[in-house]
Every structure is written in structure tokens, then in C-alpha cells.
Amino acid sequence: MGIKERERKVHRPLRWAGLEVILHAVPEGTMPFVLGWGAEDVTDCFSHRYDTSHLVEQLNADWYDLAVSSGLFDDRREFLLQIPQGTRSHRAAVLCTNGYHAPVLWTRVRLLERWDIMGRGAESAFLGMHSGHPGFGMMALDGSVYVCASTGETGVDVHAVGHPERSENILRHLEWMARYDSPHANREVRQRIASWLVVRPERHSGHGRLR
């Protein structure tokens, strides 16, 4: 996929949602995935039913408040957004895979003055299924907090997970993913996780691999 195609199919929809893509700027050693967290890892959260009045506006307001209070943004309102590789959308990834098999990468983005994460963003299919039905993973540049949104049968849930690289639940799940040997598993995903786990003890003194 060429640069022009990715600009047209990925970067432009994200910019329409109020996110400017910053190319080749993901911090080295960033945790590749945040999966398997438990209730004890959650530092903040909110939920809204689909029948909530002015749902998109309420979701946007609460997401921004949570992002600010949890430290998702840096001083330039930049953070990391996890999206599928190529031009594959979140919607396509959800419909075609269980999430583990879909190669996704962190992309550095900046929140612009005018934005609509839960409306136009979710409608773009890179931040959800459609307007008011978000689905995304975001992380602070320093990895100190992970923010995710998901949709259920009755409403939307958004959670903030503090310091995911210290969570025994998450690390245990990543080690399982790195060992999971199946013809249906994505080899690139496994290798990315395994590589991060190998260097992690060097980056976080005192927090070795789980056995």
C-alpha cells in the first residue's frame, strides 16, 4: 500500500475526526498490546447506555475528561492510537477476526482543536463500528495509561488502565499470546510480543518476566 493510498483511506478519515497523524514517531520500546487486564488494573471508567440522550456528545465529553485526568495527553495533546495495518478498518478487523489475528500498530496522533472521537471518529470505522459505537485502544506516549472503548449489547464502556506494563494480568496474557502456537495465529503479532517481553526487564528494573 502506497503513501497516497494510506493518506486517503486512513489519515484523512482520522483528521476528519480531529486526529492528526504524526508519522514515524512512536517511542521506541512501546508496549505492543494491552490485553488481559482485570478489574484491579482499572483506574477510571465510565459507561453509557445506547438510549442516553445526546449519546455522542456525552461520550465525547466524558472521554476528554478521562483522557485529561488520567494523563493520556502530553503537553501537545499527543498520544498513541492503535489501528490495523494497511487500510483495514476497525470494523473490518472486528468482523473478520477475534482481534488477536489482526496485525495492529501504534500510530502517534495529535488531538486537534475541533474533534469528534465518538461521532465522526467512530463513523470512520477506525475508531469504532459507527457513530456512537466506538472501539479503540489509546495509550500515553510514556505508556503510563491505556484507554480503551468497547461496545456491548446495551451500551458503551470506556476504561483507563494505569501503567499496563506493570500489570501481572496483562503480562501473563501477553506471555500466553507469545507462546500460542496455532496455524490461525498471526506470526507477526507473536514475534512483536515476544521481542518486547525479552527486552522489558532491561527497561523496567525490578519487574522481570512472569513464569
N, C-alpha and C. Protein backbone atom coordinates (compact mmCIF):
# COMPACT_ATOMS: atom_id res chain seq x y z
N MET A 1 0.84 -1.18 0.00
CA MET A 1 0.00 0.00 0.00
C MET A 1 0.88 1.24 0.00
N GLY A 2 0.61 2.18 -0.93
CA GLY A 2 1.42 3.37 -1.04
C GLY A 2 1.04 4.44 -0.04
N ILE A 3 1.90 5.45 0.03
CA ILE A 3 1.69 6.55 0.97
C ILE A 3 0.41 7.31 0.63
N LYS A 4 0.17 7.56 -0.65
CA LYS A 4 -1.01 8.31 -1.05
C LYS A 4 -2.29 7.57 -0.70
N GLU A 5 -2.27 6.24 -0.88
CA GLU A 5 -3.46 5.45 -0.57
C GLU A 5 -3.74 5.47 0.92
N ARG A 6 -2.70 5.34 1.74
CA ARG A 6 -2.90 5.37 3.19
C ARG A 6 -3.38 6.75 3.65
N GLU A 7 -2.85 7.79 3.02
CA GLU A 7 -3.30 9.15 3.34
C GLU A 7 -4.80 9.30 3.06
N ARG A 8 -5.21 8.79 1.92
CA ARG A 8 -6.62 8.95 1.51
C ARG A 8 -7.55 8.08 2.34
N LYS A 9 -7.13 6.84 2.62
CA LYS A 9 -8.04 5.88 3.25
C LYS A 9 -7.97 5.86 4.78
N VAL A 10 -6.84 6.30 5.35
CA VAL A 10 -6.66 6.21 6.80
C VAL A 10 -6.47 7.59 7.42
N HIS A 11 -5.45 8.33 6.97
CA HIS A 11 -5.13 9.59 7.62
C HIS A 11 -6.24 10.63 7.45
N ARG A 12 -6.84 10.68 6.27
CA ARG A 12 -7.89 11.68 6.05
C ARG A 12 -9.11 11.44 6.93
N PRO A 13 -9.63 10.20 7.04
CA PRO A 13 -10.74 9.96 7.97
C PRO A 13 -10.39 10.29 9.42
N LEU A 14 -9.16 10.00 9.83
CA LEU A 14 -8.76 10.32 11.20
C LEU A 14 -8.70 11.84 11.40
N ARG A 15 -8.21 12.55 10.40
CA ARG A 15 -8.17 14.01 10.50
C ARG A 15 -9.57 14.60 10.56
N TRP A 16 -10.50 14.00 9.83
CA TRP A 16 -11.89 14.43 9.88
C TRP A 16 -12.46 14.25 11.28
N ALA A 17 -11.95 13.27 12.01
CA ALA A 17 -12.38 13.05 13.39
C ALA A 17 -11.64 13.94 14.37
N GLY A 18 -10.63 14.68 13.87
CA GLY A 18 -9.89 15.59 14.74
C GLY A 18 -8.57 15.05 15.23
N LEU A 19 -8.00 14.07 14.52
CA LEU A 19 -6.72 13.48 14.90
C LEU A 19 -5.73 13.64 13.76
N GLU A 20 -4.64 14.33 14.02
CA GLU A 20 -3.57 14.49 13.04
C GLU A 20 -2.53 13.39 13.24
N VAL A 21 -2.27 12.63 12.19
CA VAL A 21 -1.29 11.55 12.26
C VAL A 21 0.11 12.12 12.19
N ILE A 22 0.99 11.67 13.09
CA ILE A 22 2.39 12.06 13.12
C ILE A 22 3.21 10.83 12.75
N LEU A 23 3.76 10.83 11.58
CA LEU A 23 4.42 9.64 11.04
C LEU A 23 5.75 9.37 11.72
N HIS A 24 6.05 8.07 11.86
CA HIS A 24 7.36 7.59 12.31
C HIS A 24 7.78 8.24 13.63
N ALA A 25 6.86 8.30 14.59
CA ALA A 25 7.16 9.00 15.84
C ALA A 25 6.70 8.22 17.07
N VAL A 26 6.50 6.91 16.93
CA VAL A 26 6.13 6.09 18.08
C VAL A 26 7.37 5.85 18.93
N PRO A 27 7.34 6.12 20.23
CA PRO A 27 8.52 5.93 21.06
C PRO A 27 9.05 4.50 21.00
N GLU A 28 10.37 4.38 20.96
CA GLU A 28 11.00 3.06 20.90
C GLU A 28 10.69 2.28 22.18
N GLY A 29 10.40 0.99 22.00
CA GLY A 29 10.12 0.13 23.14
C GLY A 29 8.71 0.20 23.66
N THR A 30 7.81 0.82 22.88
CA THR A 30 6.42 0.91 23.32
C THR A 30 5.79 -0.47 23.43
N MET A 31 5.06 -0.69 24.49
CA MET A 31 4.34 -1.95 24.70
C MET A 31 3.45 -2.22 23.49
N PRO A 32 3.57 -3.39 22.85
CA PRO A 32 2.86 -3.61 21.59
C PRO A 32 1.36 -3.78 21.73
N PHE A 33 0.90 -4.39 22.82
CA PHE A 33 -0.53 -4.64 23.02
C PHE A 33 -0.86 -4.52 24.49
N VAL A 34 -2.10 -4.19 24.77
CA VAL A 34 -2.60 -4.20 26.15
C VAL A 34 -3.86 -5.03 26.15
N LEU A 35 -3.72 -6.26 26.60
CA LEU A 35 -4.84 -7.20 26.62
C LEU A 35 -4.78 -8.01 27.91
N GLY A 36 -5.95 -8.42 28.38
CA GLY A 36 -5.99 -9.30 29.55
C GLY A 36 -6.03 -8.59 30.88
N TRP A 37 -6.28 -7.28 30.90
CA TRP A 37 -6.32 -6.57 32.17
C TRP A 37 -7.54 -6.97 32.98
N GLY A 38 -7.41 -6.82 34.30
CA GLY A 38 -8.50 -7.16 35.21
C GLY A 38 -9.07 -5.93 35.87
N ALA A 39 -10.14 -6.14 36.64
CA ALA A 39 -10.81 -5.02 37.31
C ALA A 39 -9.85 -4.25 38.21
N GLU A 40 -8.90 -4.95 38.81
CA GLU A 40 -7.96 -4.28 39.72
C GLU A 40 -6.98 -3.38 38.99
N ASP A 41 -6.88 -3.52 37.66
CA ASP A 41 -5.98 -2.68 36.88
C ASP A 41 -6.64 -1.37 36.43
N VAL A 42 -7.95 -1.29 36.55
CA VAL A 42 -8.68 -0.12 36.06
C VAL A 42 -8.57 1.02 37.06
N THR A 43 -8.16 2.19 36.57
CA THR A 43 -8.03 3.36 37.42
C THR A 43 -9.19 4.33 37.27
N ASP A 44 -9.92 4.25 36.17
CA ASP A 44 -11.09 5.10 35.95
C ASP A 44 -11.91 4.48 34.82
N CYS A 45 -13.20 4.81 34.79
CA CYS A 45 -14.05 4.26 33.74
C CYS A 45 -15.38 5.01 33.71
N PHE A 46 -16.11 4.83 32.63
CA PHE A 46 -17.49 5.32 32.56
C PHE A 46 -18.24 4.48 31.54
N SER A 47 -19.56 4.48 31.66
CA SER A 47 -20.42 3.72 30.76
C SER A 47 -21.66 4.54 30.44
N HIS A 48 -22.19 4.33 29.23
CA HIS A 48 -23.44 4.97 28.85
C HIS A 48 -24.26 3.99 28.02
N ARG A 49 -25.53 3.93 28.30
CA ARG A 49 -26.43 3.12 27.51
C ARG A 49 -26.67 3.79 26.15
N TYR A 50 -27.03 2.96 25.17
CA TYR A 50 -27.27 3.50 23.84
C TYR A 50 -28.45 4.47 23.80
N ASP A 51 -29.37 4.32 24.75
CA ASP A 51 -30.53 5.21 24.75
C ASP A 51 -30.28 6.50 25.54
N THR A 52 -29.03 6.76 25.93
CA THR A 52 -28.69 8.00 26.61
C THR A 52 -28.96 9.20 25.70
N SER A 53 -29.57 10.22 26.24
CA SER A 53 -29.84 11.43 25.47
C SER A 53 -28.53 12.09 25.05
N HIS A 54 -28.46 12.49 23.78
CA HIS A 54 -27.24 13.11 23.24
C HIS A 54 -26.02 12.22 23.52
N LEU A 55 -26.13 10.97 23.12
CA LEU A 55 -25.11 9.97 23.44
C LEU A 55 -23.72 10.38 22.99
N VAL A 56 -23.57 10.77 21.73
CA VAL A 56 -22.24 11.09 21.20
C VAL A 56 -21.62 12.25 21.96
N GLU A 57 -22.39 13.29 22.22
CA GLU A 57 -21.88 14.45 22.96
C GLU A 57 -21.44 14.05 24.36
N GLN A 58 -22.22 13.19 25.01
CA GLN A 58 -21.88 12.76 26.36
C GLN A 58 -20.63 11.89 26.36
N LEU A 59 -20.53 10.99 25.37
CA LEU A 59 -19.34 10.15 25.26
C LEU A 59 -18.09 10.99 25.01
N ASN A 60 -18.19 11.96 24.12
CA ASN A 60 -17.05 12.83 23.83
C ASN A 60 -16.59 13.58 25.07
N ALA A 61 -17.55 14.16 25.79
CA ALA A 61 -17.21 14.95 26.97
C ALA A 61 -16.55 14.09 28.04
N ASP A 62 -17.10 12.91 28.28
CA ASP A 62 -16.54 12.04 29.32
C ASP A 62 -15.19 11.45 28.90
N TRP A 63 -15.05 11.15 27.59
CA TRP A 63 -13.75 10.66 27.11
C TRP A 63 -12.67 11.72 27.31
N TYR A 64 -12.96 12.96 26.98
CA TYR A 64 -11.97 14.02 27.13
C TYR A 64 -11.61 14.23 28.60
N ASP A 65 -12.61 14.24 29.46
CA ASP A 65 -12.34 14.39 30.90
C ASP A 65 -11.46 13.26 31.41
N LEU A 66 -11.76 12.03 30.99
CA LEU A 66 -10.97 10.89 31.43
C LEU A 66 -9.55 10.97 30.87
N ALA A 67 -9.43 11.38 29.60
CA ALA A 67 -8.11 11.48 28.97
C ALA A 67 -7.24 12.49 29.71
N VAL A 68 -7.82 13.62 30.08
CA VAL A 68 -7.07 14.66 30.79
C VAL A 68 -6.70 14.20 32.19
N SER A 69 -7.68 13.67 32.92
CA SER A 69 -7.43 13.28 34.31
C SER A 69 -6.48 12.10 34.43
N SER A 70 -6.46 11.21 33.45
CA SER A 70 -5.61 10.03 33.51
C SER A 70 -4.21 10.27 32.98
N GLY A 71 -4.02 11.39 32.26
CA GLY A 71 -2.70 11.69 31.70
C GLY A 71 -2.46 11.09 30.33
N LEU A 72 -3.52 10.86 29.56
CA LEU A 72 -3.35 10.30 28.22
C LEU A 72 -2.58 11.25 27.31
N PHE A 73 -2.85 12.55 27.40
CA PHE A 73 -2.21 13.53 26.52
C PHE A 73 -0.88 14.02 27.09
N ASP A 74 0.05 14.37 26.18
CA ASP A 74 1.21 15.12 26.62
C ASP A 74 0.89 16.61 26.48
N ASP A 75 1.90 17.49 26.60
CA ASP A 75 1.61 18.92 26.58
C ASP A 75 1.21 19.43 25.20
N ARG A 76 1.35 18.60 24.17
CA ARG A 76 0.89 18.95 22.82
C ARG A 76 -0.37 18.20 22.44
N ARG A 77 -0.97 17.56 23.42
CA ARG A 77 -2.18 16.73 23.23
C ARG A 77 -1.91 15.58 22.25
N GLU A 78 -0.71 15.02 22.34
CA GLU A 78 -0.34 13.87 21.53
C GLU A 78 -0.44 12.60 22.35
N PHE A 79 -0.75 11.51 21.67
CA PHE A 79 -0.85 10.20 22.31
C PHE A 79 -0.76 9.14 21.23
N LEU A 80 -0.86 7.88 21.61
CA LEU A 80 -0.78 6.77 20.67
C LEU A 80 -2.16 6.17 20.44
N LEU A 81 -2.43 5.84 19.19
CA LEU A 81 -3.69 5.21 18.80
C LEU A 81 -3.36 3.91 18.09
N GLN A 82 -4.03 2.84 18.46
CA GLN A 82 -3.76 1.55 17.84
C GLN A 82 -4.80 1.28 16.75
N ILE A 83 -4.31 1.15 15.51
CA ILE A 83 -5.18 0.88 14.38
C ILE A 83 -4.60 -0.26 13.55
N PRO A 84 -5.45 -0.97 12.81
CA PRO A 84 -4.96 -2.07 11.98
C PRO A 84 -3.97 -1.59 10.94
N GLN A 85 -3.10 -2.50 10.51
CA GLN A 85 -2.14 -2.18 9.47
C GLN A 85 -2.85 -1.94 8.15
N GLY A 86 -2.11 -1.32 7.24
CA GLY A 86 -2.65 -1.08 5.92
C GLY A 86 -3.85 -0.14 5.98
N THR A 87 -4.87 -0.44 5.21
CA THR A 87 -6.07 0.39 5.19
C THR A 87 -7.25 -0.35 5.79
N ARG A 88 -6.99 -1.45 6.46
CA ARG A 88 -8.06 -2.22 7.08
C ARG A 88 -8.64 -1.46 8.26
N SER A 89 -9.94 -1.37 8.33
CA SER A 89 -10.59 -0.60 9.38
C SER A 89 -10.81 -1.42 10.63
N HIS A 90 -11.13 -0.73 11.72
CA HIS A 90 -11.50 -1.41 12.96
C HIS A 90 -12.72 -2.29 12.70
N ARG A 91 -13.67 -1.78 11.93
CA ARG A 91 -14.88 -2.54 11.65
C ARG A 91 -14.54 -3.85 10.94
N ALA A 92 -13.66 -3.76 9.94
CA ALA A 92 -13.27 -4.98 9.21
C ALA A 92 -12.54 -5.95 10.11
N ALA A 93 -11.66 -5.42 10.98
CA ALA A 93 -10.91 -6.28 11.88
C ALA A 93 -11.83 -7.01 12.84
N VAL A 94 -12.83 -6.31 13.35
CA VAL A 94 -13.77 -6.92 14.28
C VAL A 94 -14.60 -7.99 13.59
N LEU A 95 -15.05 -7.70 12.39
CA LEU A 95 -15.92 -8.63 11.69
C LEU A 95 -15.17 -9.86 11.18
N CYS A 96 -13.88 -9.70 10.87
CA CYS A 96 -13.15 -10.79 10.24
C CYS A 96 -12.29 -11.60 11.20
N THR A 97 -11.96 -11.05 12.38
CA THR A 97 -11.05 -11.74 13.28
C THR A 97 -11.51 -11.55 14.71
N ASN A 98 -10.79 -12.20 15.62
CA ASN A 98 -11.09 -12.01 17.04
C ASN A 98 -10.17 -10.96 17.68
N GLY A 99 -9.43 -10.22 16.89
CA GLY A 99 -8.56 -9.18 17.41
C GLY A 99 -7.11 -9.64 17.54
N TYR A 100 -6.90 -10.90 17.95
CA TYR A 100 -5.53 -11.39 18.11
C TYR A 100 -4.87 -11.62 16.76
N HIS A 101 -5.66 -12.06 15.79
CA HIS A 101 -5.09 -12.41 14.49
C HIS A 101 -4.85 -11.18 13.61
N ALA A 102 -5.43 -10.03 13.96
CA ALA A 102 -5.30 -8.85 13.13
C ALA A 102 -4.08 -8.04 13.53
N PRO A 103 -3.07 -7.90 12.64
CA PRO A 103 -1.90 -7.11 12.99
C PRO A 103 -2.28 -5.63 13.13
N VAL A 104 -2.02 -5.07 14.29
CA VAL A 104 -2.30 -3.67 14.51
C VAL A 104 -1.04 -2.99 15.03
N LEU A 105 -0.93 -1.71 14.76
CA LEU A 105 0.26 -0.96 15.16
C LEU A 105 -0.15 0.32 15.86
N TRP A 106 0.73 0.80 16.74
CA TRP A 106 0.52 2.12 17.33
C TRP A 106 0.84 3.18 16.30
N THR A 107 0.02 4.21 16.30
CA THR A 107 0.24 5.38 15.46
C THR A 107 0.17 6.61 16.35
N ARG A 108 1.14 7.49 16.24
CA ARG A 108 1.15 8.71 17.06
C ARG A 108 0.20 9.73 16.43
N VAL A 109 -0.63 10.32 17.25
CA VAL A 109 -1.60 11.30 16.76
C VAL A 109 -1.63 12.51 17.69
N ARG A 110 -2.15 13.61 17.16
CA ARG A 110 -2.35 14.83 17.95
C ARG A 110 -3.82 15.22 17.88
N LEU A 111 -4.42 15.49 19.02
CA LEU A 111 -5.81 15.92 19.07
C LEU A 111 -5.90 17.37 18.64
N LEU A 112 -6.65 17.64 17.58
CA LEU A 112 -6.80 18.98 17.06
C LEU A 112 -7.84 19.76 17.86
N GLU A 113 -7.98 21.05 17.56
CA GLU A 113 -8.91 21.88 18.30
C GLU A 113 -10.36 21.43 18.09
N ARG A 114 -10.68 21.05 16.90
CA ARG A 114 -12.03 20.56 16.60
C ARG A 114 -11.96 19.06 16.40
N TRP A 115 -12.69 18.33 17.20
CA TRP A 115 -12.63 16.87 17.14
C TRP A 115 -13.98 16.27 17.48
N ASP A 116 -14.16 15.03 17.07
CA ASP A 116 -15.39 14.28 17.36
C ASP A 116 -15.02 12.80 17.35
N ILE A 117 -14.41 12.35 18.43
CA ILE A 117 -13.91 10.97 18.51
C ILE A 117 -15.06 9.96 18.45
N MET A 118 -16.11 10.21 19.21
CA MET A 118 -17.18 9.23 19.36
C MET A 118 -18.22 9.30 18.25
N GLY A 119 -18.20 10.38 17.47
CA GLY A 119 -19.14 10.51 16.37
C GLY A 119 -18.46 10.24 15.04
N ARG A 120 -17.83 11.28 14.48
CA ARG A 120 -17.14 11.11 13.19
C ARG A 120 -16.01 10.09 13.30
N GLY A 121 -15.34 10.06 14.45
CA GLY A 121 -14.25 9.09 14.61
C GLY A 121 -14.74 7.67 14.53
N ALA A 122 -15.77 7.36 15.30
CA ALA A 122 -16.33 6.00 15.26
C ALA A 122 -16.95 5.70 13.91
N GLU A 123 -17.53 6.71 13.28
CA GLU A 123 -18.15 6.52 11.97
C GLU A 123 -17.10 6.22 10.90
N SER A 124 -15.87 6.71 11.10
CA SER A 124 -14.81 6.47 10.12
C SER A 124 -14.44 5.00 10.03
N ALA A 125 -14.84 4.21 11.02
CA ALA A 125 -14.56 2.77 11.11
C ALA A 125 -13.14 2.49 11.60
N PHE A 126 -12.35 3.53 11.91
CA PHE A 126 -11.04 3.30 12.50
C PHE A 126 -11.08 3.50 14.01
N LEU A 127 -12.16 4.08 14.51
CA LEU A 127 -12.32 4.29 15.95
C LEU A 127 -13.62 3.66 16.44
N GLY A 128 -14.17 2.74 15.65
CA GLY A 128 -15.40 2.09 16.07
C GLY A 128 -16.16 1.46 14.92
N MET A 129 -17.38 1.07 15.22
CA MET A 129 -18.25 0.45 14.22
C MET A 129 -19.06 1.48 13.46
N HIS A 130 -19.61 2.45 14.18
CA HIS A 130 -20.29 3.59 13.59
C HIS A 130 -20.56 4.61 14.68
N SER A 131 -21.09 5.75 14.35
CA SER A 131 -21.26 6.84 15.29
C SER A 131 -21.97 6.38 16.56
N GLY A 132 -21.38 6.71 17.71
CA GLY A 132 -21.95 6.30 18.98
C GLY A 132 -21.62 4.88 19.39
N HIS A 133 -20.86 4.18 18.56
CA HIS A 133 -20.44 2.80 18.85
C HIS A 133 -18.92 2.70 18.68
N PRO A 134 -18.16 3.29 19.62
CA PRO A 134 -16.70 3.33 19.48
C PRO A 134 -16.02 2.01 19.81
N GLY A 135 -14.82 1.86 19.29
CA GLY A 135 -13.97 0.72 19.62
C GLY A 135 -12.54 1.11 19.34
N PHE A 136 -11.74 1.34 20.36
CA PHE A 136 -10.37 1.79 20.12
C PHE A 136 -9.49 1.50 21.33
N GLY A 137 -8.17 1.56 21.08
CA GLY A 137 -7.17 1.48 22.14
C GLY A 137 -6.24 2.67 22.00
N MET A 138 -6.00 3.39 23.10
CA MET A 138 -5.14 4.56 23.10
C MET A 138 -4.16 4.44 24.26
N MET A 139 -2.99 5.02 24.12
CA MET A 139 -2.01 4.96 25.20
C MET A 139 -1.19 6.24 25.25
N ALA A 140 -0.82 6.65 26.45
CA ALA A 140 0.06 7.80 26.62
C ALA A 140 1.42 7.50 26.00
N LEU A 141 2.10 8.52 25.55
CA LEU A 141 3.40 8.34 24.90
C LEU A 141 4.40 7.65 25.82
N ASP A 142 4.28 7.89 27.13
CA ASP A 142 5.21 7.25 28.07
C ASP A 142 4.68 5.91 28.59
N GLY A 143 3.54 5.45 28.06
CA GLY A 143 2.99 4.16 28.45
C GLY A 143 2.35 4.14 29.82
N SER A 144 2.11 5.30 30.41
CA SER A 144 1.61 5.34 31.79
C SER A 144 0.14 5.02 31.91
N VAL A 145 -0.62 5.12 30.84
CA VAL A 145 -2.05 4.81 30.90
C VAL A 145 -2.53 4.32 29.55
N TYR A 146 -3.44 3.38 29.58
CA TYR A 146 -4.08 2.83 28.40
C TYR A 146 -5.57 3.11 28.52
N VAL A 147 -6.18 3.65 27.47
CA VAL A 147 -7.60 3.96 27.46
C VAL A 147 -8.25 3.20 26.31
N CYS A 148 -9.31 2.45 26.62
CA CYS A 148 -9.96 1.66 25.59
C CYS A 148 -11.48 1.85 25.66
N ALA A 149 -12.11 1.75 24.51
CA ALA A 149 -13.56 1.83 24.41
C ALA A 149 -14.09 0.58 23.74
N SER A 150 -15.21 0.10 24.21
CA SER A 150 -15.83 -1.08 23.61
C SER A 150 -17.34 -0.95 23.70
N THR A 151 -18.02 -1.62 22.79
CA THR A 151 -19.48 -1.60 22.77
C THR A 151 -20.03 -2.97 23.14
N GLY A 152 -21.08 -2.97 23.92
CA GLY A 152 -21.73 -4.21 24.32
C GLY A 152 -23.15 -4.26 23.79
N GLU A 153 -23.96 -5.09 24.38
CA GLU A 153 -25.33 -5.24 23.92
C GLU A 153 -26.19 -4.03 24.25
N THR A 154 -25.90 -3.38 25.39
CA THR A 154 -26.76 -2.29 25.83
C THR A 154 -26.10 -0.93 25.84
N GLY A 155 -24.76 -0.87 25.74
CA GLY A 155 -24.12 0.43 25.83
C GLY A 155 -22.63 0.40 25.58
N VAL A 156 -22.01 1.53 25.88
CA VAL A 156 -20.59 1.76 25.63
C VAL A 156 -19.83 1.80 26.95
N ASP A 157 -18.68 1.14 26.99
CA ASP A 157 -17.81 1.14 28.17
C ASP A 157 -16.45 1.70 27.79
N VAL A 158 -15.94 2.59 28.62
CA VAL A 158 -14.61 3.15 28.41
C VAL A 158 -13.82 2.98 29.70
N HIS A 159 -12.62 2.41 29.60
CA HIS A 159 -11.80 2.14 30.77
C HIS A 159 -10.41 2.76 30.61
N ALA A 160 -9.86 3.18 31.73
CA ALA A 160 -8.46 3.61 31.79
C ALA A 160 -7.70 2.61 32.65
N VAL A 161 -6.60 2.11 32.13
CA VAL A 161 -5.75 1.15 32.83
C VAL A 161 -4.41 1.81 33.11
N GLY A 162 -4.07 1.96 34.37
CA GLY A 162 -2.83 2.63 34.73
C GLY A 162 -1.62 1.72 34.66
N HIS A 163 -0.54 2.23 34.09
CA HIS A 163 0.75 1.51 33.98
C HIS A 163 0.55 0.04 33.56
N PRO A 164 0.05 -0.17 32.36
CA PRO A 164 -0.22 -1.55 31.92
C PRO A 164 1.00 -2.45 31.91
N GLU A 165 2.20 -1.86 31.74
CA GLU A 165 3.41 -2.70 31.70
C GLU A 165 3.75 -3.30 33.05
N ARG A 166 3.07 -2.85 34.11
CA ARG A 166 3.30 -3.39 35.45
C ARG A 166 2.23 -4.39 35.87
N SER A 167 1.20 -4.54 35.07
CA SER A 167 0.09 -5.42 35.44
C SER A 167 0.45 -6.89 35.24
N GLU A 168 0.35 -7.67 36.29
CA GLU A 168 0.62 -9.10 36.17
C GLU A 168 -0.41 -9.76 35.26
N ASN A 169 -1.64 -9.30 35.30
CA ASN A 169 -2.68 -9.87 34.42
C ASN A 169 -2.31 -9.68 32.95
N ILE A 170 -1.91 -8.46 32.60
CA ILE A 170 -1.59 -8.16 31.21
C ILE A 170 -0.33 -8.89 30.76
N LEU A 171 0.70 -8.89 31.60
CA LEU A 171 1.94 -9.55 31.23
C LEU A 171 1.75 -11.05 31.09
N ARG A 172 0.95 -11.62 31.95
CA ARG A 172 0.67 -13.05 31.85
C ARG A 172 -0.05 -13.36 30.53
N HIS A 173 -0.99 -12.50 30.16
CA HIS A 173 -1.73 -12.71 28.92
C HIS A 173 -0.81 -12.55 27.70
N LEU A 174 0.07 -11.58 27.73
CA LEU A 174 0.99 -11.39 26.62
C LEU A 174 1.94 -12.57 26.48
N GLU A 175 2.40 -13.10 27.60
CA GLU A 175 3.28 -14.27 27.51
C GLU A 175 2.54 -15.47 26.93
N TRP A 176 1.27 -15.61 27.29
CA TRP A 176 0.47 -16.68 26.68
C TRP A 176 0.35 -16.47 25.18
N MET A 177 0.09 -15.22 24.76
CA MET A 177 -0.03 -14.93 23.34
C MET A 177 1.26 -15.22 22.59
N ALA A 178 2.40 -14.90 23.22
CA ALA A 178 3.69 -15.14 22.57
C ALA A 178 3.95 -16.63 22.39
N ARG A 179 3.42 -17.46 23.29
CA ARG A 179 3.63 -18.91 23.21
C ARG A 179 2.56 -19.62 22.38
N TYR A 180 1.45 -18.96 22.12
CA TYR A 180 0.30 -19.60 21.48
C TYR A 180 0.67 -20.04 20.07
N ASP A 181 0.77 -21.32 19.88
CA ASP A 181 1.20 -21.88 18.60
C ASP A 181 0.00 -22.47 17.88
N SER A 182 -0.46 -21.76 16.85
CA SER A 182 -1.62 -22.19 16.09
C SER A 182 -1.47 -21.70 14.66
N PRO A 183 -1.90 -22.48 13.69
CA PRO A 183 -1.81 -22.02 12.29
C PRO A 183 -2.69 -20.81 12.04
N HIS A 184 -3.63 -20.53 12.95
CA HIS A 184 -4.52 -19.39 12.77
C HIS A 184 -3.99 -18.12 13.44
N ALA A 185 -2.97 -18.26 14.28
CA ALA A 185 -2.40 -17.10 14.97
C ALA A 185 -1.49 -16.32 14.02
N ASN A 186 -1.45 -15.03 14.18
CA ASN A 186 -0.61 -14.19 13.33
C ASN A 186 0.83 -14.22 13.83
N ARG A 187 1.74 -14.66 12.98
CA ARG A 187 3.14 -14.80 13.40
C ARG A 187 3.76 -13.46 13.74
N GLU A 188 3.41 -12.42 13.00
CA GLU A 188 3.97 -11.10 13.27
C GLU A 188 3.57 -10.61 14.66
N VAL A 189 2.31 -10.85 15.03
CA VAL A 189 1.83 -10.46 16.35
C VAL A 189 2.63 -11.18 17.43
N ARG A 190 2.81 -12.49 17.29
CA ARG A 190 3.55 -13.27 18.27
C ARG A 190 4.98 -12.77 18.40
N GLN A 191 5.64 -12.51 17.27
CA GLN A 191 7.02 -12.08 17.30
C GLN A 191 7.17 -10.71 17.95
N ARG A 192 6.22 -9.83 17.68
CA ARG A 192 6.28 -8.48 18.25
C ARG A 192 6.16 -8.54 19.77
N ILE A 193 5.23 -9.37 20.24
CA ILE A 193 5.05 -9.51 21.68
C ILE A 193 6.28 -10.15 22.32
N ALA A 194 6.76 -11.23 21.71
CA ALA A 194 7.92 -11.94 22.26
C ALA A 194 9.14 -11.03 22.35
N SER A 195 9.36 -10.22 21.32
CA SER A 195 10.51 -9.32 21.32
C SER A 195 10.41 -8.29 22.44
N TRP A 196 9.21 -7.76 22.65
CA TRP A 196 9.03 -6.77 23.71
C TRP A 196 9.24 -7.40 25.09
N LEU A 197 8.76 -8.61 25.27
CA LEU A 197 8.91 -9.28 26.56
C LEU A 197 10.38 -9.55 26.87
N VAL A 198 11.18 -9.82 25.85
CA VAL A 198 12.60 -10.10 26.07
C VAL A 198 13.33 -8.88 26.59
N VAL A 199 13.05 -7.71 26.02
CA VAL A 199 13.78 -6.50 26.41
C VAL A 199 13.16 -5.81 27.60
N ARG A 200 11.94 -6.18 27.96
CA ARG A 200 11.24 -5.47 29.02
C ARG A 200 11.99 -5.44 30.35
N PRO A 201 12.58 -6.54 30.84
CA PRO A 201 13.29 -6.48 32.12
C PRO A 201 14.41 -5.44 32.12
N GLU A 202 15.02 -5.17 30.95
CA GLU A 202 16.08 -4.18 30.87
C GLU A 202 15.52 -2.77 30.99
N ARG A 203 14.26 -2.59 30.54
CA ARG A 203 13.66 -1.27 30.54
C ARG A 203 12.99 -0.97 31.86
N HIS A 204 12.56 -1.99 32.58
CA HIS A 204 11.82 -1.79 33.83
C HIS A 204 12.49 -2.60 34.93
N SER A 205 13.51 -2.05 35.50
CA SER A 205 14.29 -2.75 36.52
C SER A 205 13.39 -3.20 37.67
N GLY A 206 13.55 -4.44 38.02
CA GLY A 206 12.78 -4.98 39.15
C GLY A 206 11.49 -5.64 38.74
N HIS A 207 11.14 -5.56 37.46
CA HIS A 207 9.89 -6.18 37.01
C HIS A 207 10.25 -7.20 35.93
N GLY A 208 10.59 -8.38 36.32
CA GLY A 208 11.01 -9.41 35.39
C GLY A 208 9.84 -10.09 34.75
N ARG A 209 10.13 -11.03 33.90
CA ARG A 209 9.07 -11.78 33.21
C ARG A 209 8.34 -12.66 34.20
N LEU A 210 7.08 -12.89 33.90
CA LEU A 210 6.28 -13.79 34.72
C LEU A 210 6.53 -15.22 34.25
N ARG A 211 6.47 -16.10 35.17
CA ARG A 211 6.67 -17.51 34.82
C ARG A 211 5.38 -18.29 35.07
